[in-house]
Amino acid sequence: MTVDASGARPRAAVVAQDQDIALAAITSVFGSLEAALAAKDADAFDSVFTDDVAFVNPAGTVFLGWDELHAYHRTAMRNSPDAEARYTILAARFLSGGHAIVTVEQTLRTPNFSVTNRGTWVFTEHNDTWWVSSVHNTNVAGSAV
């Protein structure tokens, strides 16, 4: 491994000219997920994911591709009690080439339980729309009530 001549470590993040606009668009993705979950609308919920999404739920199950993820969400929403989610962006890093890595905290509440997880979400911009291409969730220890 080498660093540049100044001895500085490289940075992955870039400062995009339209970073505030991009962050607002990504924030609205999470707002649409909250609304879709409250409506138990798997079609709306999964509308933000790319066709080749890789998704790891908090239990560690891996879903590869939109069809697998959508089947999971359809079943989960059909079989679960009313649920609401709150997503909070903890960090967002914009990468070159129209990509972003977003660290998120999600609290999910149902009439029977509440759980918090944290996730790393990878977004890619395509035709002025931010799409979710990868998600990895991890339960926060001791958060289930």
Protein backbone atom coordinates (compact mmCIF):
# COMPACT_ATOMS: atom_id res chain seq x y z
CA MET A 1 0.00 0.00 0.00
CA THR A 2 1.21 3.45 -0.79
CA VAL A 3 -0.06 6.92 -0.13
CA ASP A 4 0.55 9.90 -2.34
CA ALA A 5 3.69 12.04 -2.15
CA SER A 6 2.18 14.27 0.54
CA GLY A 7 1.59 11.25 2.77
CA ALA A 8 -2.15 11.85 2.72
CA ARG A 9 -4.64 9.03 2.68
CA PRO A 10 -6.98 9.01 -0.30
CA ARG A 11 -10.61 10.02 0.16
CA ALA A 12 -13.47 8.08 -1.36
CA ALA A 13 -15.99 10.89 -1.17
CA VAL A 14 -16.16 13.72 -3.64
CA VAL A 15 -17.88 17.06 -3.30
CA ALA A 16 -20.49 17.11 -6.02
CA GLN A 17 -21.70 20.41 -7.39
CA ASP A 18 -25.31 19.35 -6.85
CA GLN A 19 -24.71 17.51 -3.57
CA ASP A 20 -27.54 19.29 -1.70
CA ILE A 21 -29.99 18.40 -4.47
CA ALA A 22 -28.79 14.78 -4.50
CA LEU A 23 -29.09 14.50 -0.71
CA ALA A 24 -32.62 15.90 -0.85
CA ALA A 25 -33.53 13.33 -3.53
CA ILE A 26 -32.06 10.48 -1.46
CA THR A 27 -33.85 11.74 1.64
CA SER A 28 -37.11 11.66 -0.31
CA VAL A 29 -36.44 8.00 -1.20
CA PHE A 30 -36.53 7.19 2.51
CA GLY A 31 -39.72 9.23 2.91
CA SER A 32 -41.35 7.19 0.15
CA LEU A 33 -40.24 3.97 1.88
CA GLU A 34 -41.85 5.12 5.14
CA ALA A 35 -45.12 5.93 3.36
CA ALA A 36 -45.15 2.68 1.38
CA LEU A 37 -44.58 0.58 4.49
CA ALA A 38 -47.37 2.38 6.35
CA ALA A 39 -49.66 1.63 3.37
CA LYS A 40 -48.40 -1.98 3.19
CA ASP A 41 -47.68 -1.32 -0.48
CA ALA A 42 -44.81 -3.60 -1.55
CA ASP A 43 -44.97 -2.31 -5.14
CA ALA A 44 -44.37 1.27 -4.00
CA PHE A 45 -41.77 0.17 -1.43
CA ASP A 46 -39.73 -1.76 -3.98
CA SER A 47 -40.03 0.85 -6.72
CA VAL A 48 -36.73 2.44 -5.58
CA PHE A 49 -34.55 -0.67 -6.02
CA THR A 50 -32.51 -1.53 -9.11
CA ASP A 51 -33.20 -4.74 -11.03
CA ASP A 52 -29.91 -6.24 -9.78
CA VAL A 53 -30.23 -5.12 -6.14
CA ALA A 54 -28.39 -7.05 -3.44
CA PHE A 55 -30.26 -6.78 -0.14
CA VAL A 56 -29.36 -8.23 3.27
CA ASN A 57 -32.13 -7.98 5.85
CA PRO A 58 -31.37 -7.59 9.58
CA ALA A 59 -31.66 -11.37 10.09
CA GLY A 60 -28.88 -11.90 7.54
CA THR A 61 -30.98 -13.29 4.69
CA VAL A 62 -29.63 -12.29 1.28
CA PHE A 63 -31.97 -11.37 -1.57
CA LEU A 64 -30.38 -11.08 -5.00
CA GLY A 65 -32.32 -9.21 -7.64
CA TRP A 66 -35.52 -7.23 -7.59
CA ASP A 67 -37.79 -10.25 -8.06
CA GLU A 68 -36.45 -12.03 -4.94
CA LEU A 69 -36.61 -8.85 -2.86
CA HIS A 70 -40.11 -8.01 -4.04
CA ALA A 71 -41.40 -11.52 -3.25
CA TYR A 72 -39.97 -11.17 0.27
CA HIS A 73 -41.51 -7.74 0.82
CA ARG A 74 -44.90 -8.77 -0.58
CA THR A 75 -45.05 -11.69 1.85
CA ALA A 76 -43.68 -9.70 4.79
CA MET A 77 -46.14 -6.85 4.31
CA ARG A 78 -49.08 -9.18 3.78
CA ASN A 79 -48.28 -11.21 6.93
CA SER A 80 -47.22 -8.45 9.30
CA PRO A 81 -49.32 -6.24 11.50
CA ASP A 82 -49.49 -2.55 10.83
CA ALA A 83 -45.95 -1.25 10.85
CA GLU A 84 -44.31 2.10 10.65
CA ALA A 85 -40.70 2.91 10.00
CA ARG A 86 -38.56 5.94 10.56
CA TYR A 87 -35.33 6.31 8.60
CA THR A 88 -32.64 8.70 9.78
CA ILE A 89 -29.62 9.39 7.59
CA LEU A 90 -26.52 9.21 9.78
CA ALA A 91 -23.95 9.85 7.04
CA ALA A 92 -23.91 10.27 3.27
CA ARG A 93 -20.86 10.11 1.05
CA PHE A 94 -21.06 10.90 -2.62
CA LEU A 95 -18.65 9.04 -4.87
CA SER A 96 -17.58 9.82 -8.39
CA GLY A 97 -19.67 8.39 -11.18
CA GLY A 98 -23.05 9.18 -9.60
CA HIS A 99 -22.90 6.87 -6.60
CA ALA A 100 -23.55 7.44 -2.91
CA ILE A 101 -23.04 5.40 0.24
CA VAL A 102 -25.59 6.25 2.90
CA THR A 103 -25.53 5.05 6.50
CA VAL A 104 -29.06 4.87 7.88
CA GLU A 105 -30.77 4.08 11.14
CA GLN A 106 -34.22 2.54 10.80
CA THR A 107 -36.64 2.08 13.66
CA LEU A 108 -39.51 -0.28 12.87
CA ARG A 109 -42.55 -0.29 15.12
CA THR A 110 -45.55 -2.60 15.07
CA PRO A 111 -48.27 -3.08 17.67
CA ASN A 112 -46.26 -6.08 18.95
CA PHE A 113 -42.62 -4.95 18.87
CA SER A 114 -40.09 -2.28 18.04
CA VAL A 115 -36.63 -2.84 16.63
CA THR A 116 -33.82 -0.62 15.41
CA ASN A 117 -31.29 -1.50 12.77
CA ARG A 118 -28.52 0.34 11.01
CA GLY A 119 -27.74 -0.14 7.39
CA THR A 120 -25.41 0.76 4.60
CA TRP A 121 -27.29 1.70 1.45
CA VAL A 122 -25.59 2.11 -1.92
CA PHE A 123 -27.32 4.45 -4.36
CA THR A 124 -26.67 4.95 -8.03
CA GLU A 125 -27.97 7.81 -10.12
CA HIS A 126 -29.56 6.97 -13.45
CA ASN A 127 -31.45 9.48 -15.62
CA ASP A 128 -31.62 12.02 -12.75
CA THR A 129 -33.15 9.45 -10.37
CA TRP A 130 -31.40 7.90 -7.36
CA TRP A 131 -31.84 4.12 -7.20
CA VAL A 132 -30.93 1.73 -4.37
CA SER A 133 -28.55 -0.92 -5.65
CA SER A 134 -27.36 -2.54 -2.43
CA VAL A 135 -28.43 -2.65 1.22
CA HIS A 136 -26.90 -4.35 4.23
CA ASN A 137 -28.81 -4.11 7.53
CA THR A 138 -27.66 -4.99 11.03
CA ASN A 139 -29.82 -5.15 14.15
CA VAL A 140 -28.82 -2.82 16.94
CA ALA A 141 -28.16 -5.05 19.94
CA GLY A 142 -30.80 -4.78 22.63
CA SER A 143 -33.16 -2.67 20.51
CA ALA A 144 -36.00 -5.20 20.22
CA VAL A 145 -38.88 -4.48 22.56
